[in-house]
Amino acid sequence: MMNSRANIRPYNPHVLVGNWYEDRVMEEEVLKDFLAKRYSGQLSSQKMTEVERMSQTIPLSVPASDGLLRFGHQTMLVNTFIYSAQHTGEKSQLNCCLATGIPHLSGTNDGATEITATGTTLMRPTLRSTFIIRKPNLSVNSESIKYGDEILISDTNGELFLTSVKSSTRAGRTCDVIFTNNQNRNSVWIVTHSNINLRLEFDGSEVKIDNKIVLTHAATNKCLSVNPEHSNRSPYGREYELLCELSTGNIAAYKAPILWKFQTQSAY
């Protein structure tokens, strides 16, 4: 006699086998986690890359009608120089501005963060190239900045400070330039007049925005400088090496430019 159930398939998509309940619970948890991350913007496809985040444009300060540079201004620090090619002698104008590089932990055990300071050719105010001018006590009281004043240059969050540190690989006359959260005397800079013959005359006078200045390191009397002969490609474009050089008093004798200017947003 033929079995009446011979043509019935015991397994089909609707048959529950094995740990079916646990599998269903896990699928529901995965879906719930996915929906929660999508709602909060935590999916990988929704997240900005670090390059995109640091390349976001942020506003600069709009100066007052007197055109004076002040503590608390949110600015870019720009360097424009003429570079002569070493072998051909061909001259070209180069522009770069101060920017933060790649974060890394310092070699000490204090957990300090150190970020290389570079000169980026991306000439617009971004999260990595916009800074706030502060007093050594960290205040930002809108007072005008004068030649001879000591300043701090911090990121917009007030967590990282432009700092000059001794180098284990350079000659004694040069130092490395970094950003660090360990703010100390090595983070203090002096706003110096660009003409050595007029420094005493202008000492104590107010600094105009866009005036070319020299940033002298308060602890070593060395000057913030760009090294145009050392550059590299990065996700942000061309980056120039920054260093701190011993001042000789003769601008023409410098191998790298030392003239900077603070740039704010135009009021027009």
Protein backbone atom coordinates (compact mmCIF):
# COMPACT_ATOMS: atom_id res chain seq x y z
CA MET A 1 0.00 0.00 0.00
CA MET A 2 1.44 3.38 -0.99
CA ASN A 3 2.28 5.70 1.90
CA SER A 4 -0.09 8.67 1.83
CA ARG A 5 2.66 10.93 3.13
CA ALA A 6 5.26 9.92 0.55
CA ASN A 7 4.78 13.09 -1.52
CA ILE A 8 4.92 15.44 1.45
CA ARG A 9 8.29 17.17 1.85
CA PRO A 10 9.21 17.31 5.54
CA TYR A 11 11.42 20.41 5.13
CA ASN A 12 10.44 23.73 3.55
CA PRO A 13 10.99 27.47 4.27
CA HIS A 14 8.26 27.40 6.88
CA VAL A 15 9.70 24.52 8.90
CA LEU A 16 11.44 25.62 12.11
CA VAL A 17 14.58 23.59 12.83
CA GLY A 18 17.54 23.84 15.14
CA ASN A 19 17.90 26.88 17.40
CA TRP A 20 15.35 28.80 15.38
CA TYR A 21 14.20 30.95 18.26
CA GLU A 22 17.72 32.09 19.18
CA ASP A 23 18.42 32.86 15.51
CA ARG A 24 15.30 34.98 15.28
CA VAL A 25 16.19 36.90 18.44
CA MET A 26 19.70 37.58 17.11
CA GLU A 27 18.30 38.82 13.78
CA GLU A 28 15.97 41.17 15.63
CA GLU A 29 18.86 42.48 17.77
CA VAL A 30 21.01 43.08 14.68
CA LEU A 31 18.16 44.97 13.01
CA LYS A 32 17.48 47.00 16.16
CA ASP A 33 21.20 47.92 16.46
CA PHE A 34 21.31 48.92 12.78
CA LEU A 35 18.25 51.16 13.11
CA ALA A 36 19.62 52.79 16.28
CA LYS A 37 22.97 53.56 14.60
CA ARG A 38 21.25 54.89 11.48
CA TYR A 39 19.05 57.16 13.58
CA SER A 40 22.07 58.54 15.51
CA GLY A 41 24.27 58.87 12.42
CA GLN A 42 26.80 56.29 13.60
CA LEU A 43 26.86 54.12 10.49
CA SER A 44 30.20 54.00 8.68
CA SER A 45 28.52 55.30 5.54
CA GLN A 46 27.22 58.29 7.51
CA LYS A 47 30.43 59.20 9.31
CA MET A 48 32.82 61.84 7.99
CA THR A 49 36.37 60.77 7.44
CA GLU A 50 38.98 62.59 9.53
CA VAL A 51 40.21 64.41 6.43
CA GLU A 52 36.67 65.62 5.66
CA ARG A 53 36.12 66.71 9.26
CA MET A 54 39.38 68.63 9.53
CA SER A 55 38.79 70.23 6.11
CA GLN A 56 35.51 71.83 7.15
CA THR A 57 35.50 75.60 6.63
CA ILE A 58 34.97 77.67 9.77
CA PRO A 59 34.58 81.45 10.07
CA LEU A 60 37.37 83.86 10.92
CA SER A 61 36.94 86.88 13.17
CA VAL A 62 35.78 90.13 11.60
CA PRO A 63 38.10 92.93 12.83
CA ALA A 64 36.91 96.24 14.18
CA SER A 65 37.08 99.39 12.07
CA ASP A 66 40.49 100.27 13.55
CA GLY A 67 42.02 97.20 11.88
CA LEU A 68 43.96 96.18 15.00
CA LEU A 69 44.91 92.64 15.87
CA ARG A 70 43.38 91.59 19.22
CA PHE A 71 43.51 88.79 21.74
CA GLY A 72 40.63 86.43 21.07
CA HIS A 73 40.73 86.86 17.30
CA GLN A 74 40.11 83.64 15.38
CA THR A 75 42.67 83.83 12.59
CA MET A 76 44.88 82.07 10.10
CA LEU A 77 48.66 82.48 10.28
CA VAL A 78 49.89 82.93 6.71
CA ASN A 79 53.37 82.85 5.18
CA THR A 80 54.00 84.13 1.63
CA PHE A 81 57.54 83.85 0.30
CA ILE A 82 59.62 83.73 -2.86
CA TYR A 83 61.41 80.43 -3.33
CA SER A 84 64.42 79.95 -5.60
CA ALA A 85 64.91 76.42 -6.93
CA GLN A 86 68.22 75.00 -5.75
CA HIS A 87 69.55 73.84 -9.12
CA THR A 88 67.78 76.01 -11.70
CA GLY A 89 67.47 79.22 -9.69
CA GLU A 90 63.90 79.61 -10.95
CA LYS A 91 61.87 81.81 -8.60
CA SER A 92 58.26 81.24 -7.65
CA GLN A 93 55.89 82.60 -5.02
CA LEU A 94 54.70 80.07 -2.48
CA ASN A 95 51.86 80.45 0.02
CA CYS A 96 51.16 78.34 3.06
CA CYS A 97 49.48 78.71 6.43
CA LEU A 98 50.00 77.15 9.83
CA ALA A 99 48.08 73.89 10.33
CA THR A 100 47.93 70.88 12.61
CA GLY A 101 49.27 67.58 11.32
CA ILE A 102 48.80 63.98 12.47
CA PRO A 103 48.16 63.32 16.20
CA HIS A 104 50.40 60.92 18.09
CA LEU A 105 51.26 60.21 21.71
CA SER A 106 54.42 61.77 23.09
CA GLY A 107 57.29 59.61 24.23
CA THR A 108 56.71 60.52 27.87
CA ASN A 109 54.47 58.71 30.31
CA ASP A 110 52.22 61.69 31.00
CA GLY A 111 49.84 60.81 28.15
CA ALA A 112 50.41 64.15 26.43
CA THR A 113 49.26 64.55 22.84
CA GLU A 114 51.70 65.89 20.27
CA ILE A 115 50.72 66.92 16.74
CA THR A 116 53.20 68.02 14.12
CA ALA A 117 52.83 71.63 13.00
CA THR A 118 52.95 72.01 9.22
CA GLY A 119 52.51 74.67 6.56
CA THR A 120 49.59 73.67 4.35
CA THR A 121 48.96 75.11 0.90
CA LEU A 122 45.19 74.76 1.40
CA MET A 123 44.64 78.49 1.83
CA ARG A 124 41.24 78.64 3.44
CA PRO A 125 40.14 78.64 7.11
CA THR A 126 39.55 75.05 8.15
CA LEU A 127 39.36 73.24 11.45
CA ARG A 128 43.08 72.47 11.22
CA SER A 129 44.30 75.90 10.04
CA THR A 130 42.28 78.32 12.19
CA PHE A 131 43.61 79.40 15.58
CA ILE A 132 42.84 81.71 18.48
CA ILE A 133 45.33 84.23 19.90
CA ARG A 134 45.44 84.07 23.70
CA LYS A 135 47.36 85.67 26.54
CA PRO A 136 49.87 83.51 28.44
CA ASN A 137 47.26 83.14 31.20
CA LEU A 138 44.84 81.77 28.54
CA SER A 139 42.51 84.80 28.69
CA VAL A 140 40.98 86.36 25.56
CA ASN A 141 39.95 89.83 26.70
CA SER A 142 39.87 91.60 23.27
CA GLU A 143 42.78 93.90 24.12
CA SER A 144 44.84 95.02 21.15
CA ILE A 145 48.11 93.17 20.59
CA LYS A 146 51.30 95.23 20.67
CA TYR A 147 54.80 94.56 19.38
CA GLY A 148 56.71 92.84 22.17
CA ASP A 149 53.60 91.14 23.62
CA GLU A 150 53.73 87.48 24.59
CA ILE A 151 50.98 85.33 23.07
CA LEU A 152 49.73 81.76 22.87
CA ILE A 153 48.39 80.29 19.63
CA SER A 154 45.77 77.62 20.32
CA ASP A 155 43.34 75.57 18.28
CA THR A 156 39.70 76.69 18.30
CA ASN A 157 38.91 74.34 21.22
CA GLY A 158 41.69 75.81 23.36
CA GLU A 159 43.20 72.35 23.86
CA LEU A 160 46.34 72.38 21.68
CA PHE A 161 49.07 75.04 21.72
CA LEU A 162 51.80 75.88 19.22
CA THR A 163 55.04 74.85 20.92
CA SER A 164 58.75 74.71 20.10
CA VAL A 165 60.69 71.72 21.45
CA LYS A 166 64.27 70.51 21.26
CA SER A 167 65.02 68.15 18.40
CA SER A 168 67.11 65.01 18.61
CA THR A 169 67.76 65.01 14.87
CA ARG A 170 68.45 68.67 14.05
CA ALA A 171 71.45 70.92 14.55
CA GLY A 172 71.55 72.94 17.76
CA ARG A 173 70.35 76.13 16.06
CA THR A 174 66.97 74.68 15.09
CA CYS A 175 64.04 73.18 17.02
CA ASP A 176 60.92 71.22 16.10
CA VAL A 177 57.49 72.88 16.09
CA ILE A 178 54.48 70.94 17.35
CA PHE A 179 51.04 71.38 18.85
CA THR A 180 50.59 69.89 22.30
CA ASN A 181 48.03 69.89 25.10
CA ASN A 182 50.89 70.29 27.59
CA GLN A 183 50.92 74.10 27.62
CA ASN A 184 54.02 75.62 29.26
CA ARG A 185 56.70 78.28 28.74
CA ASN A 186 57.70 76.63 25.46
CA SER A 187 54.24 77.55 24.11
CA VAL A 188 54.81 81.30 24.50
CA TRP A 189 55.68 83.46 21.46
CA ILE A 190 56.61 87.13 21.13
CA VAL A 191 55.14 89.31 18.37
CA THR A 192 58.19 91.03 16.85
CA HIS A 193 58.43 93.75 14.19
CA SER A 194 59.62 92.47 10.82
CA ASN A 195 62.33 95.15 10.42
CA ILE A 196 65.17 94.70 12.89
CA ASN A 197 66.18 98.35 12.52
CA LEU A 198 62.72 99.53 13.65
CA ARG A 199 62.02 97.07 16.46
CA LEU A 200 62.94 99.39 19.30
CA GLU A 201 60.97 102.22 17.73
CA PHE A 202 57.80 100.13 17.32
CA ASP A 203 58.08 98.20 20.59
CA GLY A 204 54.80 98.69 22.48
CA SER A 205 52.87 100.01 19.46
CA GLU A 206 49.72 98.26 18.27
CA VAL A 207 49.86 95.60 15.54
CA LYS A 208 47.65 96.02 12.50
CA ILE A 209 46.01 92.99 10.93
CA ASP A 210 47.92 91.79 7.85
CA ASN A 211 51.14 93.44 9.09
CA LYS A 212 54.07 91.13 8.46
CA ILE A 213 55.59 90.04 11.75
CA VAL A 214 58.18 87.66 13.16
CA LEU A 215 57.06 85.15 15.80
CA THR A 216 59.93 84.79 18.25
CA HIS A 217 59.98 81.89 20.68
CA ALA A 218 60.05 83.43 24.16
CA ALA A 219 62.21 80.72 25.75
CA THR A 220 64.91 80.40 23.07
CA ASN A 221 64.70 83.61 20.96
CA LYS A 222 64.36 81.43 17.85
CA CYS A 223 61.88 82.29 15.10
CA LEU A 224 59.01 80.33 13.60
CA SER A 225 60.02 79.52 10.03
CA VAL A 226 59.04 77.57 6.90
CA ASN A 227 61.52 75.24 5.27
CA PRO A 228 60.59 75.37 1.55
CA GLU A 229 63.12 72.69 0.66
CA HIS A 230 61.28 70.02 2.64
CA SER A 231 57.69 69.29 1.66
CA ASN A 232 55.46 66.30 1.14
CA ARG A 233 52.08 65.36 -0.28
CA SER A 234 49.26 64.73 2.17
CA PRO A 235 45.49 64.16 1.90
CA TYR A 236 45.21 67.94 2.39
CA GLY A 237 47.61 68.82 -0.44
CA ARG A 238 51.22 70.02 -0.31
CA GLU A 239 52.62 70.46 3.22
CA TYR A 240 55.83 72.31 4.13
CA GLU A 241 58.02 71.58 7.11
CA LEU A 242 58.02 74.14 9.92
CA LEU A 243 60.88 74.71 12.32
CA CYS A 244 62.23 77.23 14.81
CA GLU A 245 65.51 78.88 13.74
CA LEU A 246 68.04 80.85 15.70
CA SER A 247 67.71 84.55 14.91
CA THR A 248 70.71 86.20 13.27
CA GLY A 249 69.15 89.64 12.92
CA ASN A 250 69.58 89.53 9.15
CA ILE A 251 66.43 88.42 7.33
CA ALA A 252 68.34 87.89 4.09
CA ALA A 253 70.54 85.31 5.83
CA TYR A 254 67.66 82.97 6.62
CA LYS A 255 67.39 79.78 4.61
CA ALA A 256 63.65 79.68 5.31
CA PRO A 257 61.16 82.57 5.49
CA ILE A 258 60.25 83.91 8.91
CA LEU A 259 57.71 86.58 7.95
CA TRP A 260 54.11 85.80 8.91
CA LYS A 261 50.82 87.65 9.03
CA PHE A 262 47.57 87.03 10.88
CA GLN A 263 44.64 86.89 8.50
CA THR A 264 41.05 87.58 9.53
CA GLN A 265 37.81 87.86 7.61
CA SER A 266 37.17 90.97 5.59
CA ALA A 267 34.43 93.21 6.93
CA TYR A 268 33.25 93.87 3.37
